[in-house]
Amino acid sequence: MLESVKSQKEVSTKLMKGLLDLIILQFLSTEPMHGYQVITKIRKSFGVYFGPSTIYPLLGTLEKKGFVKSEWNMNFDRPRKVYRLTNTGQNMLNFTEESLNLICRKITLQPNAALALESSAQTVSLIAGKGRSGPIGRLALEVP
């Protein structure tokens, strides 16, 4: 039983790592945030901790790609760099969600994949935002 829980946690963390940029874009689509807010929201939403050495470089990469834009906000106790989603970022978020939906539909259409999913005993649910539909708003994968 303990090994099963450990395996589930590993799968959840692996999924999070693979979808982290998409999750950050989705968070920023609801409101601008500074890096620490992103870290905290990921931990609260998923129970997985990604530290500053993971999040800040990723935010920088997303900014270089034009998906997010940052501004210094001096209204906090100390200056904070606040990130917001750009139109390009919103387009990428929409495209990625559509792609994930397509992948999920194709998986369920595969006879062997569908049987493997149906025989599974555990569900890993990733919830990145309230009131949001789509594969990241509510992604449930069956884990054998």
C-alpha atoms as a PDB file:
ATOM      1  CA  MET A   1       0.000   0.000   0.000  1.00  0.00           C
ATOM      2  CA  LEU A   2       2.782   2.434   0.957  1.00  0.00           C
ATOM      3  CA  GLU A   3       4.615   1.611  -2.282  1.00  0.00           C
ATOM      4  CA  SER A   4       1.445   2.390  -4.245  1.00  0.00           C
ATOM      5  CA  VAL A   5       1.157   5.831  -2.610  1.00  0.00           C
ATOM      6  CA  LYS A   6       4.837   6.502  -3.345  1.00  0.00           C
ATOM      7  CA  SER A   7       4.328   5.513  -6.993  1.00  0.00           C
ATOM      8  CA  GLN A   8       1.298   7.783  -7.251  1.00  0.00           C
ATOM      9  CA  LYS A   9       3.289  10.699  -5.838  1.00  0.00           C
ATOM     10  CA  GLU A  10       6.084  10.033  -8.371  1.00  0.00           C
ATOM     11  CA  VAL A  11       3.580  10.008 -11.249  1.00  0.00           C
ATOM     12  CA  SER A  12       1.952  13.209  -9.998  1.00  0.00           C
ATOM     13  CA  THR A  13       5.326  14.958  -9.681  1.00  0.00           C
ATOM     14  CA  LYS A  14       6.416  13.773 -13.131  1.00  0.00           C
ATOM     15  CA  LEU A  15       3.180  15.072 -14.675  1.00  0.00           C
ATOM     16  CA  MET A  16       3.628  18.372 -12.870  1.00  0.00           C
ATOM     17  CA  LYS A  17       7.175  18.781 -14.192  1.00  0.00           C
ATOM     18  CA  GLY A  18       6.028  18.107 -17.728  1.00  0.00           C
ATOM     19  CA  LEU A  19       3.114  20.525 -17.518  1.00  0.00           C
ATOM     20  CA  LEU A  20       4.666  23.186 -15.292  1.00  0.00           C
ATOM     21  CA  ASP A  21       4.968  25.867 -17.958  1.00  0.00           C
ATOM     22  CA  LEU A  22       1.361  25.289 -19.002  1.00  0.00           C
ATOM     23  CA  ILE A  23       0.175  25.436 -15.385  1.00  0.00           C
ATOM     24  CA  ILE A  24       2.004  28.723 -14.859  1.00  0.00           C
ATOM     25  CA  LEU A  25       0.437  30.175 -18.016  1.00  0.00           C
ATOM     26  CA  GLN A  26      -2.983  29.121 -16.772  1.00  0.00           C
ATOM     27  CA  PHE A  27      -2.407  30.722 -13.370  1.00  0.00           C
ATOM     28  CA  LEU A  28      -1.322  33.946 -15.057  1.00  0.00           C
ATOM     29  CA  SER A  29      -4.408  33.873 -17.287  1.00  0.00           C
ATOM     30  CA  THR A  30      -6.547  34.463 -14.191  1.00  0.00           C
ATOM     31  CA  GLU A  31      -4.406  37.206 -12.612  1.00  0.00           C
ATOM     32  CA  PRO A  32      -0.918  38.718 -12.723  1.00  0.00           C
ATOM     33  CA  MET A  33       1.398  37.214 -10.082  1.00  0.00           C
ATOM     34  CA  HIS A  34       4.906  37.522  -8.745  1.00  0.00           C
ATOM     35  CA  GLY A  35       7.114  34.451  -8.544  1.00  0.00           C
ATOM     36  CA  TYR A  36       6.463  33.632  -4.903  1.00  0.00           C
ATOM     37  CA  GLN A  37       2.700  33.705  -5.548  1.00  0.00           C
ATOM     38  CA  VAL A  38       3.199  31.178  -8.360  1.00  0.00           C
ATOM     39  CA  ILE A  39       5.251  28.910  -6.074  1.00  0.00           C
ATOM     40  CA  THR A  40       2.613  29.124  -3.329  1.00  0.00           C
ATOM     41  CA  LYS A  41      -0.312  28.510  -5.676  1.00  0.00           C
ATOM     42  CA  ILE A  42       1.349  25.433  -7.171  1.00  0.00           C
ATOM     43  CA  ARG A  43       1.967  24.033  -3.690  1.00  0.00           C
ATOM     44  CA  LYS A  44      -1.615  24.742  -2.552  1.00  0.00           C
ATOM     45  CA  SER A  45      -3.217  23.445  -5.754  1.00  0.00           C
ATOM     46  CA  PHE A  46      -1.119  20.323  -6.264  1.00  0.00           C
ATOM     47  CA  GLY A  47       0.694  19.576  -3.011  1.00  0.00           C
ATOM     48  CA  VAL A  48       4.012  19.652  -4.885  1.00  0.00           C
ATOM     49  CA  TYR A  49       6.758  22.115  -4.058  1.00  0.00           C
ATOM     50  CA  PHE A  50       8.837  23.680  -6.814  1.00  0.00           C
ATOM     51  CA  GLY A  51      11.314  26.158  -5.411  1.00  0.00           C
ATOM     52  CA  PRO A  52      12.618  29.470  -6.693  1.00  0.00           C
ATOM     53  CA  SER A  53      15.454  27.752  -8.580  1.00  0.00           C
ATOM     54  CA  THR A  54      12.812  26.048 -10.749  1.00  0.00           C
ATOM     55  CA  ILE A  55      10.103  28.710 -11.035  1.00  0.00           C
ATOM     56  CA  TYR A  56      12.102  31.886 -11.660  1.00  0.00           C
ATOM     57  CA  PRO A  57      14.168  30.490 -14.561  1.00  0.00           C
ATOM     58  CA  LEU A  58      10.963  29.093 -16.080  1.00  0.00           C
ATOM     59  CA  LEU A  59       9.262  32.492 -15.784  1.00  0.00           C
ATOM     60  CA  GLY A  60      12.312  34.013 -17.481  1.00  0.00           C
ATOM     61  CA  THR A  61      12.108  31.491 -20.309  1.00  0.00           C
ATOM     62  CA  LEU A  62       8.380  32.140 -20.749  1.00  0.00           C
ATOM     63  CA  GLU A  63       9.147  35.857 -20.912  1.00  0.00           C
ATOM     64  CA  LYS A  64      11.893  35.372 -23.522  1.00  0.00           C
ATOM     65  CA  LYS A  65       9.422  33.398 -25.636  1.00  0.00           C
ATOM     66  CA  GLY A  66       6.930  36.246 -25.366  1.00  0.00           C
ATOM     67  CA  PHE A  67       4.320  34.254 -23.431  1.00  0.00           C
ATOM     68  CA  VAL A  68       4.505  36.462 -20.341  1.00  0.00           C
ATOM     69  CA  LYS A  69       5.553  40.019 -19.660  1.00  0.00           C
ATOM     70  CA  SER A  70       6.948  41.329 -16.397  1.00  0.00           C
ATOM     71  CA  GLU A  71       6.831  44.701 -14.665  1.00  0.00           C
ATOM     72  CA  TRP A  72       8.346  45.837 -11.399  1.00  0.00           C
ATOM     73  CA  ASN A  73       5.695  46.615  -8.809  1.00  0.00           C
ATOM     74  CA  MET A  74       6.889  48.919  -6.028  1.00  0.00           C
ATOM     75  CA  ASN A  75       3.653  48.682  -3.986  1.00  0.00           C
ATOM     76  CA  PHE A  76       4.885  45.712  -1.928  1.00  0.00           C
ATOM     77  CA  ASP A  77       7.201  45.858   1.096  1.00  0.00           C
ATOM     78  CA  ARG A  78       9.986  45.377  -1.400  1.00  0.00           C
ATOM     79  CA  PRO A  79       9.946  45.627  -5.184  1.00  0.00           C
ATOM     80  CA  ARG A  80       8.468  42.567  -6.879  1.00  0.00           C
ATOM     81  CA  LYS A  81       8.537  41.503 -10.483  1.00  0.00           C
ATOM     82  CA  VAL A  82       4.933  40.786 -11.474  1.00  0.00           C
ATOM     83  CA  TYR A  83       4.222  38.566 -14.480  1.00  0.00           C
ATOM     84  CA  ARG A  84       1.170  38.734 -16.705  1.00  0.00           C
ATOM     85  CA  LEU A  85       0.065  36.605 -19.635  1.00  0.00           C
ATOM     86  CA  THR A  86       0.483  38.116 -23.110  1.00  0.00           C
ATOM     87  CA  ASN A  87      -1.783  37.519 -26.099  1.00  0.00           C
ATOM     88  CA  THR A  88       0.873  35.155 -27.456  1.00  0.00           C
ATOM     89  CA  GLY A  89       0.849  33.311 -24.134  1.00  0.00           C
ATOM     90  CA  GLN A  90      -2.942  33.033 -24.187  1.00  0.00           C
ATOM     91  CA  ASN A  91      -2.784  31.650 -27.736  1.00  0.00           C
ATOM     92  CA  MET A  92      -0.183  29.085 -26.631  1.00  0.00           C
ATOM     93  CA  LEU A  93      -2.296  28.153 -23.610  1.00  0.00           C
ATOM     94  CA  ASN A  94      -5.358  27.638 -25.824  1.00  0.00           C
ATOM     95  CA  PHE A  95      -3.375  25.590 -28.356  1.00  0.00           C
ATOM     96  CA  THR A  96      -1.817  23.412 -25.662  1.00  0.00           C
ATOM     97  CA  GLU A  97      -5.153  22.756 -23.970  1.00  0.00           C
ATOM     98  CA  GLU A  98      -6.675  21.767 -27.329  1.00  0.00           C
ATOM     99  CA  SER A  99      -3.711  19.474 -27.993  1.00  0.00           C
ATOM    100  CA  LEU A 100      -4.069  17.812 -24.581  1.00  0.00           C
ATOM    101  CA  ASN A 101      -7.790  17.323 -25.173  1.00  0.00           C
ATOM    102  CA  LEU A 102      -7.013  15.664 -28.516  1.00  0.00           C
ATOM    103  CA  ILE A 103      -4.407  13.392 -26.913  1.00  0.00           C
ATOM    104  CA  CYS A 104      -6.846  12.402 -24.145  1.00  0.00           C
ATOM    105  CA  ARG A 105      -9.552  11.623 -26.708  1.00  0.00           C
ATOM    106  CA  LYS A 106      -7.142   9.511 -28.773  1.00  0.00           C
ATOM    107  CA  ILE A 107      -5.991   7.601 -25.703  1.00  0.00           C
ATOM    108  CA  THR A 108      -9.565   6.694 -24.800  1.00  0.00           C
ATOM    109  CA  LEU A 109     -10.191   5.526 -28.373  1.00  0.00           C
ATOM    110  CA  GLN A 110      -7.290   3.042 -28.289  1.00  0.00           C
ATOM    111  CA  PRO A 111      -8.640  -0.400 -27.286  1.00  0.00           C
ATOM    112  CA  ASN A 112      -5.589  -1.441 -25.229  1.00  0.00           C
ATOM    113  CA  ALA A 113      -5.180   1.982 -23.634  1.00  0.00           C
ATOM    114  CA  ALA A 114      -8.860   2.115 -22.729  1.00  0.00           C
ATOM    115  CA  LEU A 115      -8.687  -1.323 -21.118  1.00  0.00           C
ATOM    116  CA  ALA A 116      -5.584  -0.355 -19.160  1.00  0.00           C
ATOM    117  CA  LEU A 117      -7.267   2.813 -17.973  1.00  0.00           C
ATOM    118  CA  GLU A 118     -10.473   1.004 -17.014  1.00  0.00           C
ATOM    119  CA  SER A 119      -8.576  -1.613 -15.024  1.00  0.00           C
ATOM    120  CA  SER A 120      -6.779   1.038 -13.015  1.00  0.00           C
ATOM    121  CA  ALA A 121      -7.559   1.497  -9.352  1.00  0.00           C
ATOM    122  CA  GLN A 122      -6.258   5.030  -8.727  1.00  0.00           C
ATOM    123  CA  THR A 123      -6.972   8.473 -10.184  1.00  0.00           C
ATOM    124  CA  VAL A 124      -4.542  11.346 -10.207  1.00  0.00           C
ATOM    125  CA  SER A 125      -6.425  14.607 -10.448  1.00  0.00           C
ATOM    126  CA  LEU A 126      -4.651  17.800 -11.349  1.00  0.00           C
ATOM    127  CA  ILE A 127      -6.648  20.905 -10.667  1.00  0.00           C
ATOM    128  CA  ALA A 128      -4.968  24.125 -11.730  1.00  0.00           C
ATOM    129  CA  GLY A 129      -7.812  26.589 -11.565  1.00  0.00           C
ATOM    130  CA  LYS A 130     -11.294  26.977 -10.193  1.00  0.00           C
ATOM    131  CA  GLY A 131     -14.159  27.163 -12.647  1.00  0.00           C
ATOM    132  CA  ARG A 132     -11.948  26.325 -15.614  1.00  0.00           C
ATOM    133  CA  SER A 133     -12.681  23.483 -17.963  1.00  0.00           C
ATOM    134  CA  GLY A 134     -10.277  21.711 -20.251  1.00  0.00           C
ATOM    135  CA  PRO A 135      -7.498  19.216 -19.690  1.00  0.00           C
ATOM    136  CA  ILE A 136      -5.569  21.389 -17.247  1.00  0.00           C
ATOM    137  CA  GLY A 137      -8.593  22.822 -15.492  1.00  0.00           C
ATOM    138  CA  ARG A 138      -9.537  19.269 -14.565  1.00  0.00           C
ATOM    139  CA  LEU A 139      -7.178  16.576 -15.817  1.00  0.00           C
ATOM    140  CA  ALA A 140      -7.802  13.103 -14.514  1.00  0.00           C
ATOM    141  CA  LEU A 141      -5.500  10.278 -15.526  1.00  0.00           C
ATOM    142  CA  GLU A 142      -5.914   6.700 -14.497  1.00  0.00           C
ATOM    143  CA  VAL A 143      -2.749   5.270 -12.993  1.00  0.00           C
ATOM    144  CA  PRO A 144      -2.312   1.489 -12.863  1.00  0.00           C
END
